[in-house]
Structure formats: structure tokens, C-alpha cells
């Protein structure tokens, strides 16, 4: 499946859990939730604009699509942390996160 690639599964079960990280997560989660909310509002505007671009031009805007994609990838990364799936802290500012879907042939 992943020949030549070193992919790390985001929602894989992790046995060890840090008690300290559990308390840090409360404050840190609050901060990244604020960032995610602001990012989400801007992404919502981009989705609205993308709708009009598709309606009027019959194609998608790459810039709008990239912004929306960045938001969705960051959201999934943050939600994995906030929902206690991992102790790997996402960065406060959205960074490069890529999510892959395995399609069984």
C-alpha cells in the first residue's frame, strides 16, 4: 500500500498516555479551538465564494480550494488531539498537514 512512503496514521490506537499532557490539553485545547474557530469562519466565507465561482465560471478556484483544504486538514488534526486520540500536539498556527484516504482496489 505505502511503498516508498512513510505515512503515520492519525487515528491509530496509542496505549501510552501522558497525565501531564492531559492537563496541558485543557489550556492548549482552548487556544487551538479559538484559532480553529477563526480559521473556520474564514473557510466558510471561502466556501460561499467558491460556490459562486463554480456557478458563474463552471470551474473551481485553486486558491479558494487550497484554503478550504488547509482548514479541513487542520481541523482533523486538531480534533484527533482534542478527542484524546493522540498526545501529539498540533501547532497553534495551521501548518502543513496532509490526510490520505486508502481506497481498496
PDB file of N, CA and C in Angstrom:
ATOM      1  N   UNK A   1       0.823  -1.192   0.000  1.00  0.00           N
ATOM      2  CA  UNK A   1       0.000   0.000   0.000  1.00  0.00           C
ATOM      3  C   UNK A   1       0.867   1.256   0.000  1.00  0.00           C
ATOM      4  N   UNK A   2       1.748   1.409   0.947  1.00  0.00           N
ATOM      5  CA  UNK A   2       2.517   2.638   1.100  1.00  0.00           C
ATOM      6  C   UNK A   2       3.972   2.436   0.703  1.00  0.00           C
ATOM      7  N   UNK A   3       4.201   1.825  -0.412  1.00  0.00           N
ATOM      8  CA  UNK A   3       5.561   1.564  -0.845  1.00  0.00           C
ATOM      9  C   UNK A   3       6.300   2.872  -1.083  1.00  0.00           C
ATOM     10  N   UNK A   4       7.452   3.016  -0.430  1.00  0.00           N
ATOM     11  CA  UNK A   4       8.262   4.208  -0.621  1.00  0.00           C
ATOM     12  C   UNK A   4       7.797   5.419   0.167  1.00  0.00           C
ATOM     13  N   UNK A   5       6.735   5.272   0.970  1.00  0.00           N
ATOM     14  CA  UNK A   5       6.215   6.394   1.754  1.00  0.00           C
ATOM     15  C   UNK A   5       6.233   6.039   3.230  1.00  0.00           C
ATOM     16  N   UNK A   6       6.472   7.021   4.057  1.00  0.00           N
ATOM     17  CA  UNK A   6       6.458   6.835   5.498  1.00  0.00           C
ATOM     18  C   UNK A   6       5.263   7.598   6.044  1.00  0.00           C
ATOM     19  N   UNK A   7       4.100   6.967   6.039  1.00  0.00           N
ATOM     20  CA  UNK A   7       2.874   7.610   6.499  1.00  0.00           C
ATOM     21  C   UNK A   7       2.613   7.223   7.946  1.00  0.00           C
ATOM     22  N   UNK A   8       2.102   8.157   8.705  1.00  0.00           N
ATOM     23  CA  UNK A   8       1.780   7.944  10.100  1.00  0.00           C
ATOM     24  C   UNK A   8       0.276   8.066  10.258  1.00  0.00           C
ATOM     25  N   UNK A   9      -0.355   7.018  10.707  1.00  0.00           N
ATOM     26  CA  UNK A   9      -1.810   7.012  10.833  1.00  0.00           C
ATOM     27  C   UNK A   9      -2.247   7.910  11.985  1.00  0.00           C
ATOM     28  N   UNK A  10      -3.131   8.833  11.710  1.00  0.00           N
ATOM     29  CA  UNK A  10      -3.546   9.828  12.701  1.00  0.00           C
ATOM     30  C   UNK A  10      -4.440   9.241  13.786  1.00  0.00           C
ATOM     31  N   UNK A  11      -5.335   8.335  13.430  1.00  0.00           N
ATOM     32  CA  UNK A  11      -6.294   7.794  14.385  1.00  0.00           C
ATOM     33  C   UNK A  11      -5.947   6.382  14.839  1.00  0.00           C
ATOM     34  N   UNK A  12      -4.665   6.060  14.874  1.00  0.00           N
ATOM     35  CA  UNK A  12      -4.243   4.748  15.349  1.00  0.00           C
ATOM     36  C   UNK A  12      -4.294   4.718  16.880  1.00  0.00           C
ATOM     37  N   UNK A  13      -4.618   3.559  17.429  1.00  0.00           N
ATOM     38  CA  UNK A  13      -4.686   3.400  18.880  1.00  0.00           C
ATOM     39  C   UNK A  13      -3.297   3.552  19.471  1.00  0.00           C
ATOM     40  N   UNK A  14      -3.197   4.352  20.534  1.00  0.00           N
ATOM     41  CA  UNK A  14      -1.937   4.539  21.247  1.00  0.00           C
ATOM     42  C   UNK A  14      -2.155   4.142  22.698  1.00  0.00           C
ATOM     43  N   UNK A  15      -1.438   3.155  23.162  1.00  0.00           N
ATOM     44  CA  UNK A  15      -1.569   2.687  24.547  1.00  0.00           C
ATOM     45  C   UNK A  15      -1.058   3.704  25.557  1.00  0.00           C
ATOM     46  N   UNK A  16       0.190   4.172  25.428  1.00  0.00           N
ATOM     47  CA  UNK A  16       0.688   5.108  26.445  1.00  0.00           C
ATOM     48  C   UNK A  16       0.001   6.467  26.337  1.00  0.00           C
ATOM     49  N   UNK A  17      -0.246   7.058  27.491  1.00  0.00           N
ATOM     50  CA  UNK A  17      -0.855   8.389  27.535  1.00  0.00           C
ATOM     51  C   UNK A  17      -0.216   9.166  28.678  1.00  0.00           C
ATOM     52  N   UNK A  18       0.099  10.397  28.426  1.00  0.00           N
ATOM     53  CA  UNK A  18       0.762  11.239  29.420  1.00  0.00           C
ATOM     54  C   UNK A  18      -0.269  11.951  30.294  1.00  0.00           C
ATOM     55  N   UNK A  19      -0.126  11.804  31.593  1.00  0.00           N
ATOM     56  CA  UNK A  19      -1.029  12.506  32.512  1.00  0.00           C
ATOM     57  C   UNK A  19      -0.796  14.011  32.454  1.00  0.00           C
ATOM     58  N   UNK A  20       0.476  14.401  32.314  1.00  0.00           N
ATOM     59  CA  UNK A  20       0.803  15.824  32.209  1.00  0.00           C
ATOM     60  C   UNK A  20       0.157  16.425  30.957  1.00  0.00           C
ATOM     61  N   UNK A  21       0.236  15.701  29.846  1.00  0.00           N
ATOM     62  CA  UNK A  21      -0.357  16.189  28.588  1.00  0.00           C
ATOM     63  C   UNK A  21      -1.866  16.339  28.726  1.00  0.00           C
ATOM     64  N   UNK A  22      -2.478  15.502  29.539  1.00  0.00           N
ATOM     65  CA  UNK A  22      -3.926  15.593  29.757  1.00  0.00           C
ATOM     66  C   UNK A  22      -4.299  16.944  30.364  1.00  0.00           C
ATOM     67  N   UNK A  23      -3.495  17.460  31.276  1.00  0.00           N
ATOM     68  CA  UNK A  23      -3.766  18.763  31.882  1.00  0.00           C
ATOM     69  C   UNK A  23      -3.356  19.914  30.960  1.00  0.00           C
ATOM     70  N   UNK A  24      -2.266  19.743  30.241  1.00  0.00           N
ATOM     71  CA  UNK A  24      -1.827  20.755  29.272  1.00  0.00           C
ATOM     72  C   UNK A  24      -2.888  20.911  28.189  1.00  0.00           C
ATOM     73  N   UNK A  25      -3.506  19.803  27.837  1.00  0.00           N
ATOM     74  CA  UNK A  25      -4.511  19.780  26.772  1.00  0.00           C
ATOM     75  C   UNK A  25      -5.684  20.723  27.059  1.00  0.00           C
ATOM     76  N   UNK A  26      -6.009  20.930  28.318  1.00  0.00           N
ATOM     77  CA  UNK A  26      -7.128  21.810  28.679  1.00  0.00           C
ATOM     78  C   UNK A  26      -6.850  23.234  28.215  1.00  0.00           C
ATOM     79  N   UNK A  27      -5.691  23.764  28.564  1.00  0.00           N
ATOM     80  CA  UNK A  27      -5.335  25.137  28.181  1.00  0.00           C
ATOM     81  C   UNK A  27      -5.022  25.214  26.694  1.00  0.00           C
ATOM     82  N   UNK A  28      -4.201  24.276  26.238  1.00  0.00           N
ATOM     83  CA  UNK A  28      -3.786  24.279  24.835  1.00  0.00           C
ATOM     84  C   UNK A  28      -4.997  24.064  23.910  1.00  0.00           C
ATOM     85  N   UNK A  29      -5.898  23.190  24.328  1.00  0.00           N
ATOM     86  CA  UNK A  29      -7.105  22.934  23.542  1.00  0.00           C
ATOM     87  C   UNK A  29      -7.959  24.179  23.393  1.00  0.00           C
ATOM     88  N   UNK A  30      -8.021  24.978  24.450  1.00  0.00           N
ATOM     89  CA  UNK A  30      -8.773  26.229  24.397  1.00  0.00           C
ATOM     90  C   UNK A  30      -8.162  27.172  23.356  1.00  0.00           C
ATOM     91  N   UNK A  31      -6.830  27.283  23.364  1.00  0.00           N
ATOM     92  CA  UNK A  31      -6.146  28.170  22.411  1.00  0.00           C
ATOM     93  C   UNK A  31      -6.337  27.720  20.958  1.00  0.00           C
ATOM     94  N   UNK A  32      -6.130  26.426  20.707  1.00  0.00           N
ATOM     95  CA  UNK A  32      -6.265  25.982  19.311  1.00  0.00           C
ATOM     96  C   UNK A  32      -7.724  25.960  18.873  1.00  0.00           C
ATOM     97  N   UNK A  33      -8.651  25.861  19.814  1.00  0.00           N
ATOM     98  CA  UNK A  33     -10.072  25.950  19.444  1.00  0.00           C
ATOM     99  C   UNK A  33     -10.422  27.356  18.962  1.00  0.00           C
ATOM    100  N   UNK A  34      -9.818  28.374  19.566  1.00  0.00           N
ATOM    101  CA  UNK A  34     -10.037  29.756  19.117  1.00  0.00           C
ATOM    102  C   UNK A  34      -9.484  29.931  17.702  1.00  0.00           C
ATOM    103  N   UNK A  35      -8.257  29.439  17.483  1.00  0.00           N
ATOM    104  CA  UNK A  35      -7.647  29.529  16.150  1.00  0.00           C
ATOM    105  C   UNK A  35      -8.499  28.780  15.132  1.00  0.00           C
ATOM    106  N   UNK A  36      -8.952  27.571  15.494  1.00  0.00           N
ATOM    107  CA  UNK A  36      -9.772  26.765  14.587  1.00  0.00           C
ATOM    108  C   UNK A  36     -11.093  27.462  14.266  1.00  0.00           C
ATOM    109  N   UNK A  37     -11.688  28.134  15.238  1.00  0.00           N
ATOM    110  CA  UNK A  37     -12.951  28.853  15.015  1.00  0.00           C
ATOM    111  C   UNK A  37     -12.776  30.013  14.030  1.00  0.00           C
ATOM    112  N   UNK A  38     -11.719  30.771  14.206  1.00  0.00           N
ATOM    113  CA  UNK A  38     -11.452  31.898  13.302  1.00  0.00           C
ATOM    114  C   UNK A  38     -11.154  31.379  11.901  1.00  0.00           C
ATOM    115  N   UNK A  39     -10.310  30.349  11.840  1.00  0.00           N
ATOM    116  CA  UNK A  39      -9.976  29.724  10.556  1.00  0.00           C
ATOM    117  C   UNK A  39     -11.254  29.205   9.888  1.00  0.00           C
ATOM    118  N   UNK A  40     -12.152  28.610  10.687  1.00  0.00           N
ATOM    119  CA  UNK A  40     -13.406  28.066  10.158  1.00  0.00           C
ATOM    120  C   UNK A  40     -14.325  29.140   9.591  1.00  0.00           C
ATOM    121  N   UNK A  41     -14.370  30.298  10.243  1.00  0.00           N
ATOM    122  CA  UNK A  41     -15.203  31.396   9.732  1.00  0.00           C
ATOM    123  C   UNK A  41     -14.687  31.882   8.377  1.00  0.00           C
ATOM    124  N   UNK A  42     -13.373  32.004   8.278  1.00  0.00           N
ATOM    125  CA  UNK A  42     -12.778  32.434   7.005  1.00  0.00           C
ATOM    126  C   UNK A  42     -12.998  31.359   5.940  1.00  0.00           C
ATOM    127  N   UNK A  43     -12.845  30.083   6.319  1.00  0.00           N
ATOM    128  CA  UNK A  43     -13.082  28.986   5.371  1.00  0.00           C
ATOM    129  C   UNK A  43     -14.542  28.974   4.913  1.00  0.00           C
ATOM    130  N   UNK A  44     -15.462  29.306   5.815  1.00  0.00           N
ATOM    131  CA  UNK A  44     -16.881  29.377   5.443  1.00  0.00           C
ATOM    132  C   UNK A  44     -17.131  30.431   4.382  1.00  0.00           C
ATOM    133  N   UNK A  45     -16.463  31.570   4.522  1.00  0.00           N
ATOM    134  CA  UNK A  45     -16.570  32.626   3.505  1.00  0.00           C
ATOM    135  C   UNK A  45     -15.998  32.132   2.185  1.00  0.00           C
ATOM    136  N   UNK A  46     -14.880  31.407   2.255  1.00  0.00           N
ATOM    137  CA  UNK A  46     -14.266  30.859   1.037  1.00  0.00           C
ATOM    138  C   UNK A  46     -15.182  29.839   0.357  1.00  0.00           C
ATOM    139  N   UNK A  47     -15.873  29.027   1.153  1.00  0.00           N
ATOM    140  CA  UNK A  47     -16.819  28.059   0.587  1.00  0.00           C
ATOM    141  C   UNK A  47     -17.944  28.795  -0.135  1.00  0.00           C
ATOM    142  N   UNK A  48     -18.447  29.846   0.492  1.00  0.00           N
ATOM    143  CA  UNK A  48     -19.502  30.660  -0.109  1.00  0.00           C
ATOM    144  C   UNK A  48     -19.023  31.263  -1.438  1.00  0.00           C
ATOM    145  N   UNK A  49     -17.795  31.811  -1.442  1.00  0.00           N
ATOM    146  CA  UNK A  49     -17.233  32.379  -2.673  1.00  0.00           C
ATOM    147  C   UNK A  49     -17.001  31.306  -3.731  1.00  0.00           C
ATOM    148  N   UNK A  50     -16.530  30.134  -3.278  1.00  0.00           N
ATOM    149  CA  UNK A  50     -16.284  29.032  -4.216  1.00  0.00           C
ATOM    150  C   UNK A  50     -17.580  28.626  -4.918  1.00  0.00           C
ATOM    151  N   UNK A  51     -18.670  28.652  -4.187  1.00  0.00           N
ATOM    152  CA  UNK A  51     -19.973  28.308  -4.766  1.00  0.00           C
ATOM    153  C   UNK A  51     -20.288  29.234  -5.935  1.00  0.00           C
ATOM    154  N   UNK A  52     -20.058  30.531  -5.742  1.00  0.00           N
ATOM    155  CA  UNK A  52     -20.316  31.493  -6.816  1.00  0.00           C
ATOM    156  C   UNK A  52     -19.336  31.339  -7.973  1.00  0.00           C
ATOM    157  N   UNK A  53     -18.092  31.044  -7.684  1.00  0.00           N
ATOM    158  CA  UNK A  53     -17.105  30.821  -8.750  1.00  0.00           C
ATOM    159  C   UNK A  53     -17.547  29.645  -9.612  1.00  0.00           C
ATOM    160  N   UNK A  54     -17.965  28.553  -8.974  1.00  0.00           N
ATOM    161  CA  UNK A  54     -18.434  27.382  -9.728  1.00  0.00           C
ATOM    162  C   UNK A  54     -19.687  27.722 -10.519  1.00  0.00           C
ATOM    163  N   UNK A  55     -20.605  28.450  -9.909  1.00  0.00           N
ATOM    164  CA  UNK A  55     -21.853  28.813 -10.581  1.00  0.00           C
ATOM    165  C   UNK A  55     -21.595  29.690 -11.808  1.00  0.00           C
ATOM    166  N   UNK A  56     -20.736  30.686 -11.664  1.00  0.00           N
ATOM    167  CA  UNK A  56     -20.505  31.643 -12.747  1.00  0.00           C
ATOM    168  C   UNK A  56     -19.499  31.171 -13.786  1.00  0.00           C
ATOM    169  N   UNK A  57     -18.436  30.481 -13.359  1.00  0.00           N
ATOM    170  CA  UNK A  57     -17.370  30.118 -14.283  1.00  0.00           C
ATOM    171  C   UNK A  57     -17.361  28.637 -14.672  1.00  0.00           C
ATOM    172  N   UNK A  58     -18.081  27.820 -13.919  1.00  0.00           N
ATOM    173  CA  UNK A  58     -18.120  26.397 -14.227  1.00  0.00           C
ATOM    174  C   UNK A  58     -16.827  25.676 -13.874  1.00  0.00           C
ATOM    175  N   UNK A  59     -16.036  26.234 -12.991  1.00  0.00           N
ATOM    176  CA  UNK A  59     -14.791  25.610 -12.528  1.00  0.00           C
ATOM    177  C   UNK A  59     -14.511  26.090 -11.109  1.00  0.00           C
ATOM    178  N   UNK A  60     -13.555  25.433 -10.461  1.00  0.00           N
ATOM    179  CA  UNK A  60     -13.196  25.809  -9.091  1.00  0.00           C
ATOM    180  C   UNK A  60     -11.997  26.738  -9.077  1.00  0.00           C
ATOM    181  N   UNK A  61     -11.920  27.577  -8.062  1.00  0.00           N
ATOM    182  CA  UNK A  61     -10.755  28.430  -7.840  1.00  0.00           C
ATOM    183  C   UNK A  61      -9.734  27.628  -7.038  1.00  0.00           C
ATOM    184  N   UNK A  62      -8.523  27.508  -7.547  1.00  0.00           N
ATOM    185  CA  UNK A  62      -7.468  26.754  -6.854  1.00  0.00           C
ATOM    186  C   UNK A  62      -7.131  27.395  -5.514  1.00  0.00           C
ATOM    187  N   UNK A  63      -7.029  28.711  -5.470  1.00  0.00           N
ATOM    188  CA  UNK A  63      -6.676  29.401  -4.226  1.00  0.00           C
ATOM    189  C   UNK A  63      -7.737  29.161  -3.141  1.00  0.00           C
ATOM    190  N   UNK A  64      -8.998  29.290  -3.499  1.00  0.00           N
ATOM    191  CA  UNK A  64     -10.066  29.041  -2.533  1.00  0.00           C
ATOM    192  C   UNK A  64     -10.071  27.577  -2.102  1.00  0.00           C
ATOM    193  N   UNK A  65      -9.891  26.686  -3.059  1.00  0.00           N
ATOM    194  CA  UNK A  65      -9.859  25.255  -2.758  1.00  0.00           C
ATOM    195  C   UNK A  65      -8.712  24.886  -1.832  1.00  0.00           C
ATOM    196  N   UNK A  66      -7.558  25.474  -2.057  1.00  0.00           N
ATOM    197  CA  UNK A  66      -6.402  25.205  -1.197  1.00  0.00           C
ATOM    198  C   UNK A  66      -6.642  25.694   0.225  1.00  0.00           C
ATOM    199  N   UNK A  67      -7.274  26.846   0.370  1.00  0.00           N
ATOM    200  CA  UNK A  67      -7.557  27.379   1.698  1.00  0.00           C
ATOM    201  C   UNK A  67      -8.552  26.481   2.436  1.00  0.00           C
ATOM    202  N   UNK A  68      -9.601  26.073   1.745  1.00  0.00           N
ATOM    203  CA  UNK A  68     -10.615  25.197   2.343  1.00  0.00           C
ATOM    204  C   UNK A  68     -10.000  23.854   2.719  1.00  0.00           C
ATOM    205  N   UNK A  69      -9.174  23.313   1.838  1.00  0.00           N
ATOM    206  CA  UNK A  69      -8.500  22.051   2.108  1.00  0.00           C
ATOM    207  C   UNK A  69      -7.589  22.174   3.334  1.00  0.00           C
ATOM    208  N   UNK A  70      -6.861  23.270   3.425  1.00  0.00           N
ATOM    209  CA  UNK A  70      -5.990  23.502   4.582  1.00  0.00           C
ATOM    210  C   UNK A  70      -6.771  23.526   5.879  1.00  0.00           C
ATOM    211  N   UNK A  71      -7.938  24.173   5.846  1.00  0.00           N
ATOM    212  CA  UNK A  71      -8.790  24.220   7.037  1.00  0.00           C
ATOM    213  C   UNK A  71      -9.253  22.817   7.426  1.00  0.00           C
ATOM    214  N   UNK A  72      -9.730  22.049   6.457  1.00  0.00           N
ATOM    215  CA  UNK A  72     -10.240  20.709   6.757  1.00  0.00           C
ATOM    216  C   UNK A  72      -9.148  19.804   7.307  1.00  0.00           C
ATOM    217  N   UNK A  73      -7.951  19.893   6.743  1.00  0.00           N
ATOM    218  CA  UNK A  73      -6.842  19.072   7.229  1.00  0.00           C
ATOM    219  C   UNK A  73      -6.433  19.484   8.642  1.00  0.00           C
ATOM    220  N   UNK A  74      -6.377  20.774   8.902  1.00  0.00           N
ATOM    221  CA  UNK A  74      -6.035  21.257  10.239  1.00  0.00           C
ATOM    222  C   UNK A  74      -7.115  20.851  11.238  1.00  0.00           C
ATOM    223  N   UNK A  75      -8.366  20.933  10.830  1.00  0.00           N
ATOM    224  CA  UNK A  75      -9.476  20.571  11.710  1.00  0.00           C
ATOM    225  C   UNK A  75      -9.380  19.106  12.132  1.00  0.00           C
ATOM    226  N   UNK A  76      -9.109  18.232  11.190  1.00  0.00           N
ATOM    227  CA  UNK A  76      -8.994  16.807  11.518  1.00  0.00           C
ATOM    228  C   UNK A  76      -7.819  16.577  12.464  1.00  0.00           C
ATOM    229  N   UNK A  77      -6.716  17.261  12.222  1.00  0.00           N
ATOM    230  CA  UNK A  77      -5.528  17.126  13.067  1.00  0.00           C
ATOM    231  C   UNK A  77      -5.822  17.610  14.489  1.00  0.00           C
ATOM    232  N   UNK A  78      -6.504  18.730  14.627  1.00  0.00           N
ATOM    233  CA  UNK A  78      -6.852  19.279  15.946  1.00  0.00           C
ATOM    234  C   UNK A  78      -7.867  18.382  16.654  1.00  0.00           C
ATOM    235  N   UNK A  79      -8.853  17.892  15.919  1.00  0.00           N
ATOM    236  CA  UNK A  79      -9.887  17.053  16.542  1.00  0.00           C
ATOM    237  C   UNK A  79      -9.321  15.750  17.083  1.00  0.00           C
ATOM    238  N   UNK A  80      -8.318  15.192  16.411  1.00  0.00           N
ATOM    239  CA  UNK A  80      -7.676  13.978  16.918  1.00  0.00           C
ATOM    240  C   UNK A  80      -7.054  14.249  18.290  1.00  0.00           C
ATOM    241  N   UNK A  81      -6.456  15.417  18.447  1.00  0.00           N
ATOM    242  CA  UNK A  81      -5.834  15.801  19.719  1.00  0.00           C
ATOM    243  C   UNK A  81      -6.899  16.110  20.777  1.00  0.00           C
ATOM    244  N   UNK A  82      -7.900  16.898  20.426  1.00  0.00           N
ATOM    245  CA  UNK A  82      -8.922  17.294  21.393  1.00  0.00           C
ATOM    246  C   UNK A  82      -9.785  16.121  21.851  1.00  0.00           C
ATOM    247  N   UNK A  83      -9.945  15.126  21.005  1.00  0.00           N
ATOM    248  CA  UNK A  83     -10.767  13.967  21.339  1.00  0.00           C
ATOM    249  C   UNK A  83      -9.948  12.818  21.921  1.00  0.00           C
ATOM    250  N   UNK A  84      -8.766  13.156  22.446  1.00  0.00           N
ATOM    251  CA  UNK A  84      -7.926  12.229  23.195  1.00  0.00           C
ATOM    252  C   UNK A  84      -7.449  11.024  22.392  1.00  0.00           C
ATOM    253  N   UNK A  85      -7.337  11.172  21.088  1.00  0.00           N
ATOM    254  CA  UNK A  85      -6.842  10.079  20.242  1.00  0.00           C
ATOM    255  C   UNK A  85      -5.321  10.024  20.228  1.00  0.00           C
ATOM    256  N   UNK A  86      -4.658  11.142  20.487  1.00  0.00           N
ATOM    257  CA  UNK A  86      -3.211  11.213  20.433  1.00  0.00           C
ATOM    258  C   UNK A  86      -2.704  12.256  21.415  1.00  0.00           C
ATOM    259  N   UNK A  87      -1.448  12.106  21.810  1.00  0.00           N
ATOM    260  CA  UNK A  87      -0.804  13.133  22.645  1.00  0.00           C
ATOM    261  C   UNK A  87       0.049  14.063  21.802  1.00  0.00           C
ATOM    262  N   UNK A  88       0.116  13.822  20.494  1.00  0.00           N
ATOM    263  CA  UNK A  88       0.893  14.695  19.610  1.00  0.00           C
ATOM    264  C   UNK A  88       0.147  16.009  19.438  1.00  0.00           C
ATOM    265  N   UNK A  89       0.721  17.063  19.959  1.00  0.00           N
ATOM    266  CA  UNK A  89       0.101  18.380  19.926  1.00  0.00           C
ATOM    267  C   UNK A  89       0.173  18.983  18.533  1.00  0.00           C
ATOM    268  N   UNK A  90      -0.959  19.439  17.987  1.00  0.00           N
ATOM    269  CA  UNK A  90      -0.902  20.186  16.724  1.00  0.00           C
ATOM    270  C   UNK A  90      -0.341  21.577  16.992  1.00  0.00           C
ATOM    271  N   UNK A  91       0.238  22.180  15.983  1.00  0.00           N
ATOM    272  CA  UNK A  91       0.761  23.529  16.163  1.00  0.00           C
ATOM    273  C   UNK A  91      -0.389  24.515  16.347  1.00  0.00           C
ATOM    274  N   UNK A  92      -0.102  25.621  17.024  1.00  0.00           N
ATOM    275  CA  UNK A  92      -1.135  26.646  17.235  1.00  0.00           C
ATOM    276  C   UNK A  92      -1.580  27.206  15.887  1.00  0.00           C
ATOM    277  N   UNK A  93      -0.617  27.549  15.063  1.00  0.00           N
ATOM    278  CA  UNK A  93      -0.938  28.068  13.735  1.00  0.00           C
ATOM    279  C   UNK A  93      -1.018  26.902  12.762  1.00  0.00           C
ATOM    280  N   UNK A  94      -2.016  26.911  11.899  1.00  0.00           N
ATOM    281  CA  UNK A  94      -2.160  25.815  10.949  1.00  0.00           C
ATOM    282  C   UNK A  94      -0.893  25.621  10.125  1.00  0.00           C
ATOM    283  N   UNK A  95      -0.474  24.392  10.043  1.00  0.00           N
ATOM    284  CA  UNK A  95       0.711  24.059   9.262  1.00  0.00           C
ATOM    285  C   UNK A  95       0.348  23.086   8.161  1.00  0.00           C
ATOM    286  N   UNK A  96       1.359  22.494   7.593  1.00  0.00           N
ATOM    287  CA  UNK A  96       1.132  21.519   6.528  1.00  0.00           C
ATOM    288  C   UNK A  96       0.748  20.179   7.139  1.00  0.00           C
ATOM    289  N   UNK A  97      -0.491  19.805   6.949  1.00  0.00           N
ATOM    290  CA  UNK A  97      -0.999  18.506   7.373  1.00  0.00           C
ATOM    291  C   UNK A  97      -1.658  17.906   6.147  1.00  0.00           C
ATOM    292  N   UNK A  98      -1.315  16.685   5.854  1.00  0.00           N
ATOM    293  CA  UNK A  98      -1.936  16.029   4.712  1.00  0.00           C
ATOM    294  C   UNK A  98      -2.661  14.789   5.205  1.00  0.00           C
ATOM    295  N   UNK A  99      -3.843  14.570   4.695  1.00  0.00           N
ATOM    296  CA  UNK A  99      -4.642  13.417   5.073  1.00  0.00           C
ATOM    297  C   UNK A  99      -4.870  12.591   3.822  1.00  0.00           C
ATOM    298  N   UNK A 100      -4.632  11.299   3.948  1.00  0.00           N
ATOM    299  CA  UNK A 100      -4.783  10.402   2.815  1.00  0.00           C
ATOM    300  C   UNK A 100      -5.914   9.433   3.074  1.00  0.00           C
ATOM    301  N   UNK A 101      -6.540   9.019   1.993  1.00  0.00           N
ATOM    302  CA  UNK A 101      -7.596   8.033   2.068  1.00  0.00           C
ATOM    303  C   UNK A 101      -7.121   6.812   1.300  1.00  0.00           C
ATOM    304  N   UNK A 102      -7.182   5.676   1.939  1.00  0.00           N
ATOM    305  CA  UNK A 102      -6.795   4.438   1.274  1.00  0.00           C
ATOM    306  C   UNK A 102      -8.029   3.863   0.584  1.00  0.00           C
ATOM    307  N   UNK A 103      -7.942   3.707  -0.701  1.00  0.00           N
ATOM    308  CA  UNK A 103      -9.040   3.157  -1.474  1.00  0.00           C
ATOM    309  C   UNK A 103      -8.660   1.739  -1.868  1.00  0.00           C
ATOM    310  N   UNK A 104      -9.390   0.777  -1.363  1.00  0.00           N
ATOM    311  CA  UNK A 104      -9.101  -0.630  -1.636  1.00  0.00           C
ATOM    312  C   UNK A 104      -9.541  -0.955  -3.054  1.00  0.00           C
ATOM    313  N   UNK A 105      -8.639  -1.553  -3.788  1.00  0.00           N
ATOM    314  CA  UNK A 105      -8.957  -1.894  -5.192  1.00  0.00           C
ATOM    315  C   UNK A 105      -9.392  -3.317  -5.318  1.00  0.00           C
TER     316      UNK A 105
END
